[in-house]
């Protein structure tokens, strides 16, 4: 799926004066992980808010939230692995 691309700093990506359009799976995943519920005006129940889990031992809860939010956005989640400070999510568009 293609969408308007963002830079690594989450700014609009512009190429030759035009907005860039690119495949956006990783971008969508990054945005869902980094945003909290209430930050998406069009869908205020979206967002994982991964930063809220940094100092908790709620690995199962975080894994469940990632699976739920990615699925709601149209992704098939193949695996979620959380070890120490590493988060690895394998997901694809349905």
PDB file of N, CA and C in Angstrom:
ATOM      1  N   UNK A   1       0.845  -1.166   0.000  1.00  0.00           N
ATOM      2  CA  UNK A   1       0.000   0.000   0.000  1.00  0.00           C
ATOM      3  C   UNK A   1       0.900   1.242   0.000  1.00  0.00           C
ATOM      4  N   UNK A   2       0.569   2.207  -0.798  1.00  0.00           N
ATOM      5  CA  UNK A   2       1.334   3.449  -0.870  1.00  0.00           C
ATOM      6  C   UNK A   2       0.591   4.579  -0.185  1.00  0.00           C
ATOM      7  N   UNK A   3       1.375   5.529   0.325  1.00  0.00           N
ATOM      8  CA  UNK A   3       0.804   6.682   1.006  1.00  0.00           C
ATOM      9  C   UNK A   3       1.841   7.800   0.957  1.00  0.00           C
ATOM     10  N   UNK A   4       1.455   8.965   1.398  1.00  0.00           N
ATOM     11  CA  UNK A   4       2.398  10.076   1.485  1.00  0.00           C
ATOM     12  C   UNK A   4       3.512   9.676   2.439  1.00  0.00           C
ATOM     13  N   UNK A   5       4.755   9.861   2.013  1.00  0.00           N
ATOM     14  CA  UNK A   5       5.918   9.427   2.791  1.00  0.00           C
ATOM     15  C   UNK A   5       6.352  10.504   3.777  1.00  0.00           C
ATOM     16  N   UNK A   6       6.898  10.031   4.885  1.00  0.00           N
ATOM     17  CA  UNK A   6       7.474  10.907   5.904  1.00  0.00           C
ATOM     18  C   UNK A   6       8.965  10.627   6.008  1.00  0.00           C
ATOM     19  N   UNK A   7       9.730  11.622   6.454  1.00  0.00           N
ATOM     20  CA  UNK A   7      11.151  11.430   6.702  1.00  0.00           C
ATOM     21  C   UNK A   7      11.315  10.717   8.041  1.00  0.00           C
ATOM     22  N   UNK A   8      12.543  10.369   8.378  1.00  0.00           N
ATOM     23  CA  UNK A   8      12.797   9.725   9.676  1.00  0.00           C
ATOM     24  C   UNK A   8      12.448  10.659  10.832  1.00  0.00           C
ATOM     25  N   UNK A   9      12.411  11.963  10.578  1.00  0.00           N
ATOM     26  CA  UNK A   9      12.003  12.938  11.589  1.00  0.00           C
ATOM     27  C   UNK A   9      10.515  13.224  11.576  1.00  0.00           C
ATOM     28  N   UNK A  10       9.764  12.406  10.835  1.00  0.00           N
ATOM     29  CA  UNK A  10       8.304  12.510  10.718  1.00  0.00           C
ATOM     30  C   UNK A  10       7.825  13.808  10.077  1.00  0.00           C
ATOM     31  N   UNK A  11       8.650  14.358   9.193  1.00  0.00           N
ATOM     32  CA  UNK A  11       8.263  15.512   8.377  1.00  0.00           C
ATOM     33  C   UNK A  11       7.814  14.987   7.018  1.00  0.00           C
ATOM     34  N   UNK A  12       7.004  15.761   6.298  1.00  0.00           N
ATOM     35  CA  UNK A  12       6.612  15.357   4.949  1.00  0.00           C
ATOM     36  C   UNK A  12       7.846  15.242   4.068  1.00  0.00           C
ATOM     37  N   UNK A  13       7.932  14.157   3.340  1.00  0.00           N
ATOM     38  CA  UNK A  13       9.064  13.935   2.439  1.00  0.00           C
ATOM     39  C   UNK A  13       8.748  14.573   1.097  1.00  0.00           C
ATOM     40  N   UNK A  14       9.634  15.454   0.651  1.00  0.00           N
ATOM     41  CA  UNK A  14       9.435  16.180  -0.601  1.00  0.00           C
ATOM     42  C   UNK A  14      10.589  15.845  -1.539  1.00  0.00           C
ATOM     43  N   UNK A  15      10.243  15.473  -2.774  1.00  0.00           N
ATOM     44  CA  UNK A  15      11.241  15.187  -3.799  1.00  0.00           C
ATOM     45  C   UNK A  15      10.921  16.037  -5.017  1.00  0.00           C
ATOM     46  N   UNK A  16      11.870  16.853  -5.425  1.00  0.00           N
ATOM     47  CA  UNK A  16      11.697  17.750  -6.579  1.00  0.00           C
ATOM     48  C   UNK A  16      10.445  18.610  -6.443  1.00  0.00           C
ATOM     49  N   UNK A  17      10.158  19.070  -5.243  1.00  0.00           N
ATOM     50  CA  UNK A  17       9.032  19.962  -5.011  1.00  0.00           C
ATOM     51  C   UNK A  17       7.685  19.281  -4.852  1.00  0.00           C
ATOM     52  N   UNK A  18       7.646  17.952  -4.942  1.00  0.00           N
ATOM     53  CA  UNK A  18       6.390  17.218  -4.806  1.00  0.00           C
ATOM     54  C   UNK A  18       6.439  16.311  -3.579  1.00  0.00           C
ATOM     55  N   UNK A  19       5.272  16.070  -3.006  1.00  0.00           N
ATOM     56  CA  UNK A  19       5.196  15.119  -1.904  1.00  0.00           C
ATOM     57  C   UNK A  19       5.537  13.731  -2.417  1.00  0.00           C
ATOM     58  N   UNK A  20       6.367  13.029  -1.676  1.00  0.00           N
ATOM     59  CA  UNK A  20       6.761  11.672  -2.074  1.00  0.00           C
ATOM     60  C   UNK A  20       5.676  10.685  -1.658  1.00  0.00           C
ATOM     61  N   UNK A  21       5.430   9.728  -2.518  1.00  0.00           N
ATOM     62  CA  UNK A  21       4.485   8.647  -2.230  1.00  0.00           C
ATOM     63  C   UNK A  21       5.285   7.347  -2.301  1.00  0.00           C
ATOM     64  N   UNK A  22       5.231   6.586  -1.192  1.00  0.00           N
ATOM     65  CA  UNK A  22       6.010   5.357  -1.113  1.00  0.00           C
ATOM     66  C   UNK A  22       5.208   4.262  -0.411  1.00  0.00           C
ATOM     67  N   UNK A  23       5.710   3.038  -0.483  1.00  0.00           N
ATOM     68  CA  UNK A  23       5.135   1.934   0.276  1.00  0.00           C
ATOM     69  C   UNK A  23       5.251   2.315   1.748  1.00  0.00           C
ATOM     70  N   UNK A  24       4.193   2.091   2.526  1.00  0.00           N
ATOM     71  CA  UNK A  24       4.170   2.682   3.860  1.00  0.00           C
ATOM     72  C   UNK A  24       3.971   1.708   5.019  1.00  0.00           C
ATOM     73  N   UNK A  25       4.250   0.438   4.855  1.00  0.00           N
ATOM     74  CA  UNK A  25       4.034  -0.516   5.940  1.00  0.00           C
ATOM     75  C   UNK A  25       4.855  -0.154   7.176  1.00  0.00           C
ATOM     76  N   UNK A  26       6.154   0.023   7.015  1.00  0.00           N
ATOM     77  CA  UNK A  26       7.020   0.338   8.165  1.00  0.00           C
ATOM     78  C   UNK A  26       6.652   1.685   8.777  1.00  0.00           C
ATOM     79  N   UNK A  27       6.295   2.645   7.936  1.00  0.00           N
ATOM     80  CA  UNK A  27       5.884   3.961   8.421  1.00  0.00           C
ATOM     81  C   UNK A  27       4.609   3.851   9.254  1.00  0.00           C
ATOM     82  N   UNK A  28       3.636   3.084   8.786  1.00  0.00           N
ATOM     83  CA  UNK A  28       2.386   2.901   9.517  1.00  0.00           C
ATOM     84  C   UNK A  28       2.643   2.213  10.856  1.00  0.00           C
ATOM     85  N   UNK A  29       3.531   1.222  10.852  1.00  0.00           N
ATOM     86  CA  UNK A  29       3.863   0.526  12.089  1.00  0.00           C
ATOM     87  C   UNK A  29       4.525   1.473  13.086  1.00  0.00           C
ATOM     88  N   UNK A  30       5.470   2.269  12.613  1.00  0.00           N
ATOM     89  CA  UNK A  30       6.166   3.218  13.474  1.00  0.00           C
ATOM     90  C   UNK A  30       5.182   4.215  14.090  1.00  0.00           C
ATOM     91  N   UNK A  31       4.271   4.724  13.281  1.00  0.00           N
ATOM     92  CA  UNK A  31       3.301   5.692  13.782  1.00  0.00           C
ATOM     93  C   UNK A  31       2.353   5.071  14.803  1.00  0.00           C
ATOM     94  N   UNK A  32       1.884   3.855  14.536  1.00  0.00           N
ATOM     95  CA  UNK A  32       0.994   3.191  15.496  1.00  0.00           C
ATOM     96  C   UNK A  32       1.704   2.909  16.812  1.00  0.00           C
ATOM     97  N   UNK A  33       2.949   2.468  16.745  1.00  0.00           N
ATOM     98  CA  UNK A  33       3.694   2.181  17.968  1.00  0.00           C
ATOM     99  C   UNK A  33       3.960   3.443  18.781  1.00  0.00           C
ATOM    100  N   UNK A  34       4.263   4.531  18.102  1.00  0.00           N
ATOM    101  CA  UNK A  34       4.676   5.757  18.785  1.00  0.00           C
ATOM    102  C   UNK A  34       3.578   6.679  19.250  1.00  0.00           C
ATOM    103  N   UNK A  35       2.366   6.483  18.773  1.00  0.00           N
ATOM    104  CA  UNK A  35       1.286   7.389  19.167  1.00  0.00           C
ATOM    105  C   UNK A  35       0.400   6.761  20.231  1.00  0.00           C
ATOM    106  N   UNK A  36      -0.203   7.627  21.021  1.00  0.00           N
ATOM    107  CA  UNK A  36      -1.114   7.208  22.087  1.00  0.00           C
ATOM    108  C   UNK A  36      -2.553   7.329  21.617  1.00  0.00           C
ATOM    109  N   UNK A  37      -3.412   6.620  22.269  1.00  0.00           N
ATOM    110  CA  UNK A  37      -4.847   6.771  22.001  1.00  0.00           C
ATOM    111  C   UNK A  37      -5.223   8.238  22.219  1.00  0.00           C
ATOM    112  N   UNK A  38      -6.060   8.748  21.335  1.00  0.00           N
ATOM    113  CA  UNK A  38      -6.478  10.146  21.424  1.00  0.00           C
ATOM    114  C   UNK A  38      -5.693  11.077  20.523  1.00  0.00           C
ATOM    115  N   UNK A  39      -4.582  10.609  19.947  1.00  0.00           N
ATOM    116  CA  UNK A  39      -3.772  11.466  19.078  1.00  0.00           C
ATOM    117  C   UNK A  39      -4.222  11.439  17.624  1.00  0.00           C
ATOM    118  N   UNK A  40      -5.043  10.460  17.240  1.00  0.00           N
ATOM    119  CA  UNK A  40      -5.555  10.375  15.872  1.00  0.00           C
ATOM    120  C   UNK A  40      -6.977  10.940  15.866  1.00  0.00           C
ATOM    121  N   UNK A  41      -7.130  12.133  15.320  1.00  0.00           N
ATOM    122  CA  UNK A  41      -8.436  12.799  15.316  1.00  0.00           C
ATOM    123  C   UNK A  41      -9.506  11.942  14.651  1.00  0.00           C
ATOM    124  N   UNK A  42      -9.180  11.301  13.534  1.00  0.00           N
ATOM    125  CA  UNK A  42     -10.161  10.518  12.803  1.00  0.00           C
ATOM    126  C   UNK A  42     -10.461   9.180  13.470  1.00  0.00           C
ATOM    127  N   UNK A  43      -9.602   8.741  14.393  1.00  0.00           N
ATOM    128  CA  UNK A  43      -9.828   7.471  15.088  1.00  0.00           C
ATOM    129  C   UNK A  43      -9.143   7.522  16.459  1.00  0.00           C
ATOM    130  N   UNK A  44      -9.786   8.128  17.443  1.00  0.00           N
ATOM    131  CA  UNK A  44      -9.148   8.363  18.741  1.00  0.00           C
ATOM    132  C   UNK A  44      -8.829   7.117  19.563  1.00  0.00           C
ATOM    133  N   UNK A  45      -9.268   5.947  19.141  1.00  0.00           N
ATOM    134  CA  UNK A  45      -8.926   4.729  19.884  1.00  0.00           C
ATOM    135  C   UNK A  45      -7.722   4.010  19.300  1.00  0.00           C
ATOM    136  N   UNK A  46      -7.080   4.584  18.277  1.00  0.00           N
ATOM    137  CA  UNK A  46      -5.895   3.982  17.656  1.00  0.00           C
ATOM    138  C   UNK A  46      -4.636   4.449  18.374  1.00  0.00           C
ATOM    139  N   UNK A  47      -3.613   3.614  18.350  1.00  0.00           N
ATOM    140  CA  UNK A  47      -2.306   3.946  18.907  1.00  0.00           C
ATOM    141  C   UNK A  47      -1.921   2.996  20.025  1.00  0.00           C
ATOM    142  N   UNK A  48      -0.662   2.557  19.995  1.00  0.00           N
ATOM    143  CA  UNK A  48      -0.151   1.642  21.008  1.00  0.00           C
ATOM    144  C   UNK A  48       0.421   2.415  22.190  1.00  0.00           C
ATOM    145  N   UNK A  49       1.150   3.502  21.928  1.00  0.00           N
ATOM    146  CA  UNK A  49       1.789   4.253  23.002  1.00  0.00           C
ATOM    147  C   UNK A  49       2.882   3.440  23.682  1.00  0.00           C
ATOM    148  N   UNK A  50       3.792   2.889  22.869  1.00  0.00           N
ATOM    149  CA  UNK A  50       4.816   1.980  23.380  1.00  0.00           C
ATOM    150  C   UNK A  50       5.647   2.614  24.496  1.00  0.00           C
ATOM    151  N   UNK A  51       5.818   3.903  24.479  1.00  0.00           N
ATOM    152  CA  UNK A  51       6.605   4.574  25.523  1.00  0.00           C
ATOM    153  C   UNK A  51       5.987   4.373  26.904  1.00  0.00           C
ATOM    154  N   UNK A  52       4.685   4.167  26.959  1.00  0.00           N
ATOM    155  CA  UNK A  52       4.011   3.956  28.237  1.00  0.00           C
ATOM    156  C   UNK A  52       4.343   2.605  28.863  1.00  0.00           C
ATOM    157  N   UNK A  53       4.953   1.720  28.093  1.00  0.00           N
ATOM    158  CA  UNK A  53       5.289   0.380  28.574  1.00  0.00           C
ATOM    159  C   UNK A  53       6.764   0.249  28.949  1.00  0.00           C
ATOM    160  N   UNK A  54       7.546   1.310  28.814  1.00  0.00           N
ATOM    161  CA  UNK A  54       8.990   1.228  29.004  1.00  0.00           C
ATOM    162  C   UNK A  54       9.399   0.745  30.394  1.00  0.00           C
ATOM    163  N   UNK A  55       8.745   1.217  31.411  1.00  0.00           N
ATOM    164  CA  UNK A  55       9.159   0.868  32.767  1.00  0.00           C
ATOM    165  C   UNK A  55       8.193  -0.093  33.451  1.00  0.00           C
ATOM    166  N   UNK A  56       7.499  -0.880  32.663  1.00  0.00           N
ATOM    167  CA  UNK A  56       6.583  -1.862  33.239  1.00  0.00           C
ATOM    168  C   UNK A  56       7.006  -3.259  32.815  1.00  0.00           C
ATOM    169  N   UNK A  57       6.506  -4.221  33.490  1.00  0.00           N
ATOM    170  CA  UNK A  57       6.791  -5.615  33.144  1.00  0.00           C
ATOM    171  C   UNK A  57       5.636  -6.222  32.366  1.00  0.00           C
ATOM    172  N   UNK A  58       4.837  -5.388  31.709  1.00  0.00           N
ATOM    173  CA  UNK A  58       3.628  -5.823  31.012  1.00  0.00           C
ATOM    174  C   UNK A  58       3.914  -6.242  29.576  1.00  0.00           C
ATOM    175  N   UNK A  59       4.831  -7.185  29.397  1.00  0.00           N
ATOM    176  CA  UNK A  59       5.206  -7.637  28.056  1.00  0.00           C
ATOM    177  C   UNK A  59       4.005  -8.250  27.338  1.00  0.00           C
ATOM    178  N   UNK A  60       3.236  -9.067  28.040  1.00  0.00           N
ATOM    179  CA  UNK A  60       2.063  -9.694  27.421  1.00  0.00           C
ATOM    180  C   UNK A  60       1.025  -8.655  27.033  1.00  0.00           C
ATOM    181  N   UNK A  61       0.832  -7.674  27.878  1.00  0.00           N
ATOM    182  CA  UNK A  61      -0.137  -6.607  27.589  1.00  0.00           C
ATOM    183  C   UNK A  61       0.296  -5.781  26.380  1.00  0.00           C
ATOM    184  N   UNK A  62       1.595  -5.453  26.307  1.00  0.00           N
ATOM    185  CA  UNK A  62       2.119  -4.708  25.164  1.00  0.00           C
ATOM    186  C   UNK A  62       1.975  -5.533  23.885  1.00  0.00           C
ATOM    187  N   UNK A  63       2.321  -6.791  23.930  1.00  0.00           N
ATOM    188  CA  UNK A  63       2.190  -7.667  22.765  1.00  0.00           C
ATOM    189  C   UNK A  63       0.745  -7.732  22.290  1.00  0.00           C
ATOM    190  N   UNK A  64      -0.177  -7.869  23.211  1.00  0.00           N
ATOM    191  CA  UNK A  64      -1.606  -7.930  22.874  1.00  0.00           C
ATOM    192  C   UNK A  64      -2.074  -6.615  22.250  1.00  0.00           C
ATOM    193  N   UNK A  65      -1.616  -5.484  22.804  1.00  0.00           N
ATOM    194  CA  UNK A  65      -2.004  -4.165  22.270  1.00  0.00           C
ATOM    195  C   UNK A  65      -1.461  -3.968  20.854  1.00  0.00           C
ATOM    196  N   UNK A  66      -0.230  -4.385  20.606  1.00  0.00           N
ATOM    197  CA  UNK A  66       0.358  -4.269  19.269  1.00  0.00           C
ATOM    198  C   UNK A  66      -0.451  -5.095  18.280  1.00  0.00           C
ATOM    199  N   UNK A  67      -0.739  -6.334  18.638  1.00  0.00           N
ATOM    200  CA  UNK A  67      -1.517  -7.203  17.747  1.00  0.00           C
ATOM    201  C   UNK A  67      -2.893  -6.596  17.448  1.00  0.00           C
ATOM    202  N   UNK A  68      -3.544  -6.076  18.467  1.00  0.00           N
ATOM    203  CA  UNK A  68      -4.880  -5.497  18.285  1.00  0.00           C
ATOM    204  C   UNK A  68      -4.837  -4.274  17.380  1.00  0.00           C
ATOM    205  N   UNK A  69      -3.914  -3.352  17.648  1.00  0.00           N
ATOM    206  CA  UNK A  69      -3.855  -2.104  16.877  1.00  0.00           C
ATOM    207  C   UNK A  69      -3.430  -2.349  15.430  1.00  0.00           C
ATOM    208  N   UNK A  70      -2.446  -3.216  15.220  1.00  0.00           N
ATOM    209  CA  UNK A  70      -2.014  -3.516  13.854  1.00  0.00           C
ATOM    210  C   UNK A  70      -3.137  -4.192  13.080  1.00  0.00           C
ATOM    211  N   UNK A  71      -3.840  -5.104  13.714  1.00  0.00           N
ATOM    212  CA  UNK A  71      -4.974  -5.783  13.056  1.00  0.00           C
ATOM    213  C   UNK A  71      -6.063  -4.791  12.690  1.00  0.00           C
ATOM    214  N   UNK A  72      -6.371  -3.871  13.583  1.00  0.00           N
ATOM    215  CA  UNK A  72      -7.392  -2.852  13.304  1.00  0.00           C
ATOM    216  C   UNK A  72      -7.011  -1.985  12.115  1.00  0.00           C
ATOM    217  N   UNK A  73      -5.692  -1.831  11.891  1.00  0.00           N
ATOM    218  CA  UNK A  73      -5.219  -1.006  10.777  1.00  0.00           C
ATOM    219  C   UNK A  73      -5.098  -1.805   9.479  1.00  0.00           C
ATOM    220  N   UNK A  74      -5.465  -3.089   9.520  1.00  0.00           N
ATOM    221  CA  UNK A  74      -5.471  -3.890   8.303  1.00  0.00           C
ATOM    222  C   UNK A  74      -4.241  -4.747   8.096  1.00  0.00           C
ATOM    223  N   UNK A  75      -3.470  -4.978   9.160  1.00  0.00           N
ATOM    224  CA  UNK A  75      -2.278  -5.808   9.041  1.00  0.00           C
ATOM    225  C   UNK A  75      -2.519  -7.193   9.620  1.00  0.00           C
ATOM    226  N   UNK A  76      -1.826  -8.155   9.072  1.00  0.00           N
ATOM    227  CA  UNK A  76      -1.781  -9.514   9.613  1.00  0.00           C
ATOM    228  C   UNK A  76      -0.486  -9.604  10.406  1.00  0.00           C
ATOM    229  N   UNK A  77      -0.588  -9.855  11.696  1.00  0.00           N
ATOM    230  CA  UNK A  77       0.594  -9.923  12.560  1.00  0.00           C
ATOM    231  C   UNK A  77       1.065 -11.368  12.628  1.00  0.00           C
ATOM    232  N   UNK A  78       2.290 -11.602  12.176  1.00  0.00           N
ATOM    233  CA  UNK A  78       2.864 -12.941  12.190  1.00  0.00           C
ATOM    234  C   UNK A  78       3.557 -13.242  13.512  1.00  0.00           C
ATOM    235  N   UNK A  79       4.241 -12.236  14.080  1.00  0.00           N
ATOM    236  CA  UNK A  79       4.891 -12.444  15.369  1.00  0.00           C
ATOM    237  C   UNK A  79       5.214 -11.113  16.029  1.00  0.00           C
ATOM    238  N   UNK A  80       5.240 -11.157  17.353  1.00  0.00           N
ATOM    239  CA  UNK A  80       5.682 -10.029  18.171  1.00  0.00           C
ATOM    240  C   UNK A  80       6.672 -10.602  19.170  1.00  0.00           C
ATOM    241  N   UNK A  81       7.920 -10.110  19.116  1.00  0.00           N
ATOM    242  CA  UNK A  81       8.956 -10.583  20.027  1.00  0.00           C
ATOM    243  C   UNK A  81       9.484  -9.401  20.825  1.00  0.00           C
ATOM    244  N   UNK A  82       9.400  -9.515  22.138  1.00  0.00           N
ATOM    245  CA  UNK A  82       9.878  -8.464  23.024  1.00  0.00           C
ATOM    246  C   UNK A  82      10.902  -9.093  23.954  1.00  0.00           C
ATOM    247  N   UNK A  83      12.150  -8.658  23.828  1.00  0.00           N
ATOM    248  CA  UNK A  83      13.213  -9.158  24.694  1.00  0.00           C
ATOM    249  C   UNK A  83      14.063  -7.987  25.161  1.00  0.00           C
ATOM    250  N   UNK A  84      14.112  -7.783  26.459  1.00  0.00           N
ATOM    251  CA  UNK A  84      14.889  -6.662  26.994  1.00  0.00           C
ATOM    252  C   UNK A  84      14.410  -5.350  26.420  1.00  0.00           C
ATOM    253  N   UNK A  85      15.282  -4.682  25.669  1.00  0.00           N
ATOM    254  CA  UNK A  85      14.932  -3.397  25.063  1.00  0.00           C
ATOM    255  C   UNK A  85      14.648  -3.528  23.571  1.00  0.00           C
ATOM    256  N   UNK A  86      14.472  -4.748  23.096  1.00  0.00           N
ATOM    257  CA  UNK A  86      14.255  -4.989  21.668  1.00  0.00           C
ATOM    258  C   UNK A  86      12.813  -5.379  21.399  1.00  0.00           C
ATOM    259  N   UNK A  87      12.234  -4.715  20.408  1.00  0.00           N
ATOM    260  CA  UNK A  87      10.874  -5.009  19.968  1.00  0.00           C
ATOM    261  C   UNK A  87      10.946  -5.360  18.488  1.00  0.00           C
ATOM    262  N   UNK A  88      10.508  -6.571  18.137  1.00  0.00           N
ATOM    263  CA  UNK A  88      10.535  -7.018  16.750  1.00  0.00           C
ATOM    264  C   UNK A  88       9.127  -7.479  16.377  1.00  0.00           C
ATOM    265  N   UNK A  89       8.528  -6.776  15.434  1.00  0.00           N
ATOM    266  CA  UNK A  89       7.180  -7.105  14.980  1.00  0.00           C
ATOM    267  C   UNK A  89       7.250  -7.478  13.507  1.00  0.00           C
ATOM    268  N   UNK A  90       6.734  -8.641  13.186  1.00  0.00           N
ATOM    269  CA  UNK A  90       6.621  -9.062  11.798  1.00  0.00           C
ATOM    270  C   UNK A  90       5.150  -9.009  11.431  1.00  0.00           C
ATOM    271  N   UNK A  91       4.818  -8.090  10.543  1.00  0.00           N
ATOM    272  CA  UNK A  91       3.432  -7.903  10.122  1.00  0.00           C
ATOM    273  C   UNK A  91       3.409  -7.467   8.670  1.00  0.00           C
ATOM    274  N   UNK A  92       2.282  -7.701   8.019  1.00  0.00           N
ATOM    275  CA  UNK A  92       2.124  -7.340   6.611  1.00  0.00           C
ATOM    276  C   UNK A  92       0.690  -6.910   6.371  1.00  0.00           C
ATOM    277  N   UNK A  93       0.495  -6.158   5.296  1.00  0.00           N
ATOM    278  CA  UNK A  93      -0.875  -5.782   4.942  1.00  0.00           C
ATOM    279  C   UNK A  93      -1.630  -7.021   4.523  1.00  0.00           C
ATOM    280  N   UNK A  94      -2.910  -7.102   4.901  1.00  0.00           N
ATOM    281  CA  UNK A  94      -3.751  -8.231   4.502  1.00  0.00           C
ATOM    282  C   UNK A  94      -4.061  -8.140   3.021  1.00  0.00           C
TER     283      UNK A  94
END
